[in-house]
Amino acid sequence: HFGGQDPGAFVSTSGGGVLRSSDTPAEAQ
């Protein structure tokens, strides 16, 4: 682990989002 805020210590975020065009916005949220 490189540490020290090196680019090699990058922590990648897996994301989740709701599409603006969703037909089921409440359930998607």
PDB file of all heavy atoms in Angstrom:
ATOM      1  N   HIS A   1       0.852  -1.182   0.000  1.00  0.00           N
ATOM      2  CA  HIS A   1       0.000   0.000   0.000  1.00  0.00           C
ATOM      3  C   HIS A   1       0.892   1.237   0.000  1.00  0.00           C
ATOM      4  O   HIS A   1       1.705   1.422   0.908  1.00  0.00           O
ATOM      5  CB  HIS A   1      -0.901   0.003   1.237  1.00  0.00           C
ATOM      6  CG  HIS A   1      -1.885  -1.134   1.278  1.00  0.00           C
ATOM      7  ND1 HIS A   1      -3.178  -1.024   0.819  1.00  0.00           N
ATOM      8  CD2 HIS A   1      -1.756  -2.403   1.738  1.00  0.00           C
ATOM      9  CE1 HIS A   1      -3.819  -2.171   0.995  1.00  0.00           C
ATOM     10  NE2 HIS A   1      -2.973  -3.029   1.536  1.00  0.00           N
ATOM     11  N   PHE A   2       0.730   2.094  -0.982  1.00  0.00           N
ATOM     12  CA  PHE A   2       1.611   3.260  -1.091  1.00  0.00           C
ATOM     13  C   PHE A   2       1.370   4.277   0.019  1.00  0.00           C
ATOM     14  O   PHE A   2       2.306   4.827   0.582  1.00  0.00           O
ATOM     15  CB  PHE A   2       1.436   3.923  -2.465  1.00  0.00           C
ATOM     16  CG  PHE A   2       2.005   3.133  -3.598  1.00  0.00           C
ATOM     17  CD1 PHE A   2       1.187   2.369  -4.415  1.00  0.00           C
ATOM     18  CD2 PHE A   2       3.364   3.135  -3.847  1.00  0.00           C
ATOM     19  CE1 PHE A   2       1.710   1.634  -5.462  1.00  0.00           C
ATOM     20  CE2 PHE A   2       3.908   2.399  -4.889  1.00  0.00           C
ATOM     21  CZ  PHE A   2       3.072   1.643  -5.704  1.00  0.00           C
ATOM     22  N   GLY A   3       0.108   4.544   0.339  1.00  0.00           N
ATOM     23  CA  GLY A   3      -0.192   5.487   1.416  1.00  0.00           C
ATOM     24  C   GLY A   3       0.262   6.906   1.102  1.00  0.00           C
ATOM     25  O   GLY A   3       0.629   7.246  -0.036  1.00  0.00           O
ATOM     26  N   GLY A   4       0.245   7.750   2.119  1.00  0.00           N
ATOM     27  CA  GLY A   4       0.770   9.114   2.002  1.00  0.00           C
ATOM     28  C   GLY A   4       0.095   9.965   0.960  1.00  0.00           C
ATOM     29  O   GLY A   4       0.710  10.897   0.421  1.00  0.00           O
ATOM     30  N   GLN A   5      -1.161   9.687   0.627  1.00  0.00           N
ATOM     31  CA  GLN A   5      -1.921  10.418  -0.389  1.00  0.00           C
ATOM     32  C   GLN A   5      -1.266  10.350  -1.774  1.00  0.00           C
ATOM     33  O   GLN A   5      -1.494  11.194  -2.635  1.00  0.00           O
ATOM     34  CB  GLN A   5      -2.147  11.880   0.027  1.00  0.00           C
ATOM     35  CG  GLN A   5      -2.959  11.999   1.309  1.00  0.00           C
ATOM     36  CD  GLN A   5      -3.364  13.415   1.634  1.00  0.00           C
ATOM     37  OE1 GLN A   5      -2.866  14.383   1.063  1.00  0.00           O
ATOM     38  NE2 GLN A   5      -4.279  13.554   2.575  1.00  0.00           N
ATOM     39  N   ASP A   6      -0.463   9.324  -1.979  1.00  0.00           N
ATOM     40  CA  ASP A   6       0.107   9.067  -3.301  1.00  0.00           C
ATOM     41  C   ASP A   6      -1.008   8.672  -4.260  1.00  0.00           C
ATOM     42  O   ASP A   6      -2.008   8.084  -3.833  1.00  0.00           O
ATOM     43  CB  ASP A   6       1.130   7.931  -3.202  1.00  0.00           C
ATOM     44  CG  ASP A   6       1.910   7.723  -4.478  1.00  0.00           C
ATOM     45  OD1 ASP A   6       2.851   8.500  -4.720  1.00  0.00           O
ATOM     46  OD2 ASP A   6       1.577   6.789  -5.245  1.00  0.00           O
ATOM     47  N   PRO A   7      -0.871   8.975  -5.571  1.00  0.00           N
ATOM     48  CA  PRO A   7      -1.879   8.481  -6.513  1.00  0.00           C
ATOM     49  C   PRO A   7      -2.063   6.971  -6.454  1.00  0.00           C
ATOM     50  O   PRO A   7      -3.149   6.458  -6.733  1.00  0.00           O
ATOM     51  CB  PRO A   7      -1.335   8.917  -7.878  1.00  0.00           C
ATOM     52  CG  PRO A   7      -0.440  10.060  -7.588  1.00  0.00           C
ATOM     53  CD  PRO A   7       0.146   9.808  -6.229  1.00  0.00           C
ATOM     54  N   GLY A   8      -1.002   6.262  -6.068  1.00  0.00           N
ATOM     55  CA  GLY A   8      -1.082   4.820  -5.934  1.00  0.00           C
ATOM     56  C   GLY A   8      -1.867   4.345  -4.729  1.00  0.00           C
ATOM     57  O   GLY A   8      -2.078   3.145  -4.571  1.00  0.00           O
ATOM     58  N   ALA A   9      -2.298   5.292  -3.880  1.00  0.00           N
ATOM     59  CA  ALA A   9      -3.164   4.954  -2.744  1.00  0.00           C
ATOM     60  C   ALA A   9      -4.621   5.277  -3.058  1.00  0.00           C
ATOM     61  O   ALA A   9      -5.466   5.264  -2.155  1.00  0.00           O
ATOM     62  CB  ALA A   9      -2.720   5.715  -1.499  1.00  0.00           C
ATOM     63  N   PHE A  10      -4.915   5.537  -4.320  1.00  0.00           N
ATOM     64  CA  PHE A  10      -6.270   5.890  -4.742  1.00  0.00           C
ATOM     65  C   PHE A  10      -7.282   4.840  -4.312  1.00  0.00           C
ATOM     66  O   PHE A  10      -7.082   3.642  -4.500  1.00  0.00           O
ATOM     67  CB  PHE A  10      -6.277   6.027  -6.269  1.00  0.00           C
ATOM     68  CG  PHE A  10      -7.636   6.092  -6.907  1.00  0.00           C
ATOM     69  CD1 PHE A  10      -8.521   7.110  -6.604  1.00  0.00           C
ATOM     70  CD2 PHE A  10      -8.022   5.134  -7.833  1.00  0.00           C
ATOM     71  CE1 PHE A  10      -9.770   7.171  -7.209  1.00  0.00           C
ATOM     72  CE2 PHE A  10      -9.254   5.187  -8.459  1.00  0.00           C
ATOM     73  CZ  PHE A  10     -10.131   6.205  -8.139  1.00  0.00           C
ATOM     74  N   VAL A  11      -8.375   5.300  -3.717  1.00  0.00           N
ATOM     75  CA  VAL A  11      -9.500   4.435  -3.368  1.00  0.00           C
ATOM     76  C   VAL A  11     -10.640   4.768  -4.323  1.00  0.00           C
ATOM     77  O   VAL A  11     -11.157   5.883  -4.330  1.00  0.00           O
ATOM     78  CB  VAL A  11      -9.932   4.632  -1.905  1.00  0.00           C
ATOM     79  CG1 VAL A  11     -11.221   3.878  -1.622  1.00  0.00           C
ATOM     80  CG2 VAL A  11      -8.832   4.157  -0.962  1.00  0.00           C
ATOM     81  N   SER A  12     -11.005   3.805  -5.140  1.00  0.00           N
ATOM     82  CA  SER A  12     -12.033   4.012  -6.154  1.00  0.00           C
ATOM     83  C   SER A  12     -13.423   3.786  -5.557  1.00  0.00           C
ATOM     84  O   SER A  12     -13.644   2.822  -4.826  1.00  0.00           O
ATOM     85  CB  SER A  12     -11.819   3.043  -7.323  1.00  0.00           C
ATOM     86  OG  SER A  12     -12.800   3.236  -8.319  1.00  0.00           O
ATOM     87  N   THR A  13     -14.338   4.687  -5.890  1.00  0.00           N
ATOM     88  CA  THR A  13     -15.701   4.612  -5.379  1.00  0.00           C
ATOM     89  C   THR A  13     -16.610   3.924  -6.377  1.00  0.00           C
ATOM     90  O   THR A  13     -16.705   4.330  -7.537  1.00  0.00           O
ATOM     91  CB  THR A  13     -16.246   6.026  -5.105  1.00  0.00           C
ATOM     92  OG1 THR A  13     -15.396   6.692  -4.166  1.00  0.00           O
ATOM     93  CG2 THR A  13     -17.658   5.969  -4.549  1.00  0.00           C
ATOM     94  N   SER A  14     -17.277   2.885  -5.927  1.00  0.00           N
ATOM     95  CA  SER A  14     -18.347   2.264  -6.706  1.00  0.00           C
ATOM     96  C   SER A  14     -19.616   3.059  -6.424  1.00  0.00           C
ATOM     97  O   SER A  14     -19.977   3.257  -5.262  1.00  0.00           O
ATOM     98  CB  SER A  14     -18.545   0.811  -6.291  1.00  0.00           C
ATOM     99  OG  SER A  14     -17.354   0.075  -6.438  1.00  0.00           O
ATOM    100  N   GLY A  15     -20.293   3.516  -7.467  1.00  0.00           N
ATOM    101  CA  GLY A  15     -21.402   4.432  -7.265  1.00  0.00           C
ATOM    102  C   GLY A  15     -22.763   3.859  -7.570  1.00  0.00           C
ATOM    103  O   GLY A  15     -22.903   2.824  -8.230  1.00  0.00           O
ATOM    104  N   GLY A  16     -23.779   4.568  -7.086  1.00  0.00           N
ATOM    105  CA  GLY A  16     -25.159   4.250  -7.395  1.00  0.00           C
ATOM    106  C   GLY A  16     -25.959   5.518  -7.592  1.00  0.00           C
ATOM    107  O   GLY A  16     -25.802   6.481  -6.831  1.00  0.00           O
ATOM    108  N   GLY A  17     -26.780   5.559  -8.636  1.00  0.00           N
ATOM    109  CA  GLY A  17     -27.583   6.739  -8.911  1.00  0.00           C
ATOM    110  C   GLY A  17     -28.920   6.372  -9.518  1.00  0.00           C
ATOM    111  O   GLY A  17     -29.095   5.280 -10.071  1.00  0.00           O
ATOM    112  N   VAL A  18     -29.865   7.297  -9.423  1.00  0.00           N
ATOM    113  CA  VAL A  18     -31.213   7.125  -9.954  1.00  0.00           C
ATOM    114  C   VAL A  18     -31.336   7.934 -11.236  1.00  0.00           C
ATOM    115  O   VAL A  18     -31.003   9.127 -11.262  1.00  0.00           O
ATOM    116  CB  VAL A  18     -32.271   7.598  -8.939  1.00  0.00           C
ATOM    117  CG1 VAL A  18     -33.674   7.571  -9.548  1.00  0.00           C
ATOM    118  CG2 VAL A  18     -32.219   6.745  -7.675  1.00  0.00           C
ATOM    119  N   LEU A  19     -31.809   7.300 -12.288  1.00  0.00           N
ATOM    120  CA  LEU A  19     -31.974   7.993 -13.564  1.00  0.00           C
ATOM    121  C   LEU A  19     -33.135   8.991 -13.488  1.00  0.00           C
ATOM    122  O   LEU A  19     -34.196   8.682 -12.946  1.00  0.00           O
ATOM    123  CB  LEU A  19     -32.209   6.993 -14.692  1.00  0.00           C
ATOM    124  CG  LEU A  19     -30.965   6.385 -15.355  1.00  0.00           C
ATOM    125  CD1 LEU A  19     -30.130   7.465 -16.031  1.00  0.00           C
ATOM    126  CD2 LEU A  19     -30.105   5.634 -14.331  1.00  0.00           C
ATOM    127  N   ARG A  20     -32.911  10.167 -14.032  1.00  0.00           N
ATOM    128  CA  ARG A  20     -33.941  11.206 -14.046  1.00  0.00           C
ATOM    129  C   ARG A  20     -35.189  10.727 -14.786  1.00  0.00           C
ATOM    130  O   ARG A  20     -36.312  11.154 -14.498  1.00  0.00           O
ATOM    131  CB  ARG A  20     -33.371  12.460 -14.704  1.00  0.00           C
ATOM    132  CG  ARG A  20     -34.212  13.717 -14.525  1.00  0.00           C
ATOM    133  CD  ARG A  20     -33.547  14.925 -15.176  1.00  0.00           C
ATOM    134  NE  ARG A  20     -32.304  15.273 -14.515  1.00  0.00           N
ATOM    135  CZ  ARG A  20     -32.222  16.054 -13.427  1.00  0.00           C
ATOM    136  NH1 ARG A  20     -33.323  16.539 -12.888  1.00  0.00           N
ATOM    137  NH2 ARG A  20     -31.055  16.343 -12.892  1.00  0.00           N
ATOM    138  N   SER A  21     -35.013   9.833 -15.741  1.00  0.00           N
ATOM    139  CA  SER A  21     -36.119   9.346 -16.563  1.00  0.00           C
ATOM    140  C   SER A  21     -36.836   8.141 -15.957  1.00  0.00           C
ATOM    141  O   SER A  21     -37.722   7.566 -16.587  1.00  0.00           O
ATOM    142  CB  SER A  21     -35.590   8.963 -17.949  1.00  0.00           C
ATOM    143  OG  SER A  21     -34.546   7.991 -17.834  1.00  0.00           O
ATOM    144  N   SER A  22     -36.482   7.753 -14.732  1.00  0.00           N
ATOM    145  CA  SER A  22     -37.051   6.556 -14.122  1.00  0.00           C
ATOM    146  C   SER A  22     -38.574   6.619 -14.047  1.00  0.00           C
ATOM    147  O   SER A  22     -39.158   7.651 -13.702  1.00  0.00           O
ATOM    148  CB  SER A  22     -36.486   6.381 -12.705  1.00  0.00           C
ATOM    149  OG  SER A  22     -37.171   5.359 -12.014  1.00  0.00           O
ATOM    150  N   ASP A  23     -39.217   5.481 -14.338  1.00  0.00           N
ATOM    151  CA  ASP A  23     -40.668   5.355 -14.193  1.00  0.00           C
ATOM    152  C   ASP A  23     -41.070   5.005 -12.757  1.00  0.00           C
ATOM    153  O   ASP A  23     -42.261   5.050 -12.420  1.00  0.00           O
ATOM    154  CB  ASP A  23     -41.200   4.261 -15.128  1.00  0.00           C
ATOM    155  CG  ASP A  23     -41.075   4.639 -16.599  1.00  0.00           C
ATOM    156  OD1 ASP A  23     -41.113   5.849 -16.901  1.00  0.00           O
ATOM    157  OD2 ASP A  23     -40.930   3.728 -17.425  1.00  0.00           O
ATOM    158  N   THR A  24     -40.095   4.626 -11.945  1.00  0.00           N
ATOM    159  CA  THR A  24     -40.374   4.250 -10.555  1.00  0.00           C
ATOM    160  C   THR A  24     -39.424   5.011  -9.631  1.00  0.00           C
ATOM    161  O   THR A  24     -38.618   4.411  -8.916  1.00  0.00           O
ATOM    162  CB  THR A  24     -40.211   2.740 -10.352  1.00  0.00           C
ATOM    163  OG1 THR A  24     -38.863   2.365 -10.745  1.00  0.00           O
ATOM    164  CG2 THR A  24     -41.208   1.951 -11.183  1.00  0.00           C
ATOM    165  N   PRO A  25     -39.484   6.330  -9.628  1.00  0.00           N
ATOM    166  CA  PRO A  25     -38.474   7.115  -8.903  1.00  0.00           C
ATOM    167  C   PRO A  25     -38.447   6.861  -7.403  1.00  0.00           C
ATOM    168  O   PRO A  25     -37.364   6.839  -6.801  1.00  0.00           O
ATOM    169  CB  PRO A  25     -38.846   8.569  -9.224  1.00  0.00           C
ATOM    170  CG  PRO A  25     -40.288   8.517  -9.632  1.00  0.00           C
ATOM    171  CD  PRO A  25     -40.463   7.192 -10.315  1.00  0.00           C
ATOM    172  N   ALA A  26     -39.608   6.686  -6.790  1.00  0.00           N
ATOM    173  CA  ALA A  26     -39.618   6.469  -5.337  1.00  0.00           C
ATOM    174  C   ALA A  26     -38.916   5.160  -4.987  1.00  0.00           C
ATOM    175  O   ALA A  26     -38.091   5.099  -4.057  1.00  0.00           O
ATOM    176  CB  ALA A  26     -41.050   6.467  -4.823  1.00  0.00           C
ATOM    177  N   GLU A  27     -39.232   4.094  -5.716  1.00  0.00           N
ATOM    178  CA  GLU A  27     -38.616   2.792  -5.442  1.00  0.00           C
ATOM    179  C   GLU A  27     -37.138   2.788  -5.831  1.00  0.00           C
ATOM    180  O   GLU A  27     -36.321   2.125  -5.170  1.00  0.00           O
ATOM    181  CB  GLU A  27     -39.370   1.696  -6.187  1.00  0.00           C
ATOM    182  CG  GLU A  27     -40.781   1.437  -5.677  1.00  0.00           C
ATOM    183  CD  GLU A  27     -41.808   2.477  -6.149  1.00  0.00           C
ATOM    184  OE1 GLU A  27     -41.483   3.285  -7.066  1.00  0.00           O
ATOM    185  OE2 GLU A  27     -42.924   2.482  -5.623  1.00  0.00           O
ATOM    186  N   ALA A  28     -36.788   3.517  -6.890  1.00  0.00           N
ATOM    187  CA  ALA A  28     -35.384   3.612  -7.289  1.00  0.00           C
ATOM    188  C   ALA A  28     -34.572   4.318  -6.202  1.00  0.00           C
ATOM    189  O   ALA A  28     -33.453   3.898  -5.871  1.00  0.00           O
ATOM    190  CB  ALA A  28     -35.273   4.356  -8.619  1.00  0.00           C
ATOM    191  N   GLN A  29     -35.122   5.380  -5.635  1.00  0.00           N
ATOM    192  CA  GLN A  29     -34.444   6.056  -4.527  1.00  0.00           C
ATOM    193  C   GLN A  29     -34.308   5.121  -3.332  1.00  0.00           C
ATOM    194  O   GLN A  29     -33.270   5.112  -2.644  1.00  0.00           O
ATOM    195  CB  GLN A  29     -35.225   7.312  -4.124  1.00  0.00           C
ATOM    196  CG  GLN A  29     -35.221   8.439  -5.153  1.00  0.00           C
ATOM    197  CD  GLN A  29     -33.963   9.283  -5.113  1.00  0.00           C
ATOM    198  OE1 GLN A  29     -33.130   9.163  -4.219  1.00  0.00           O
ATOM    199  NE2 GLN A  29     -33.822  10.172  -6.099  1.00  0.00           N
TER     200      GLN A  29
END
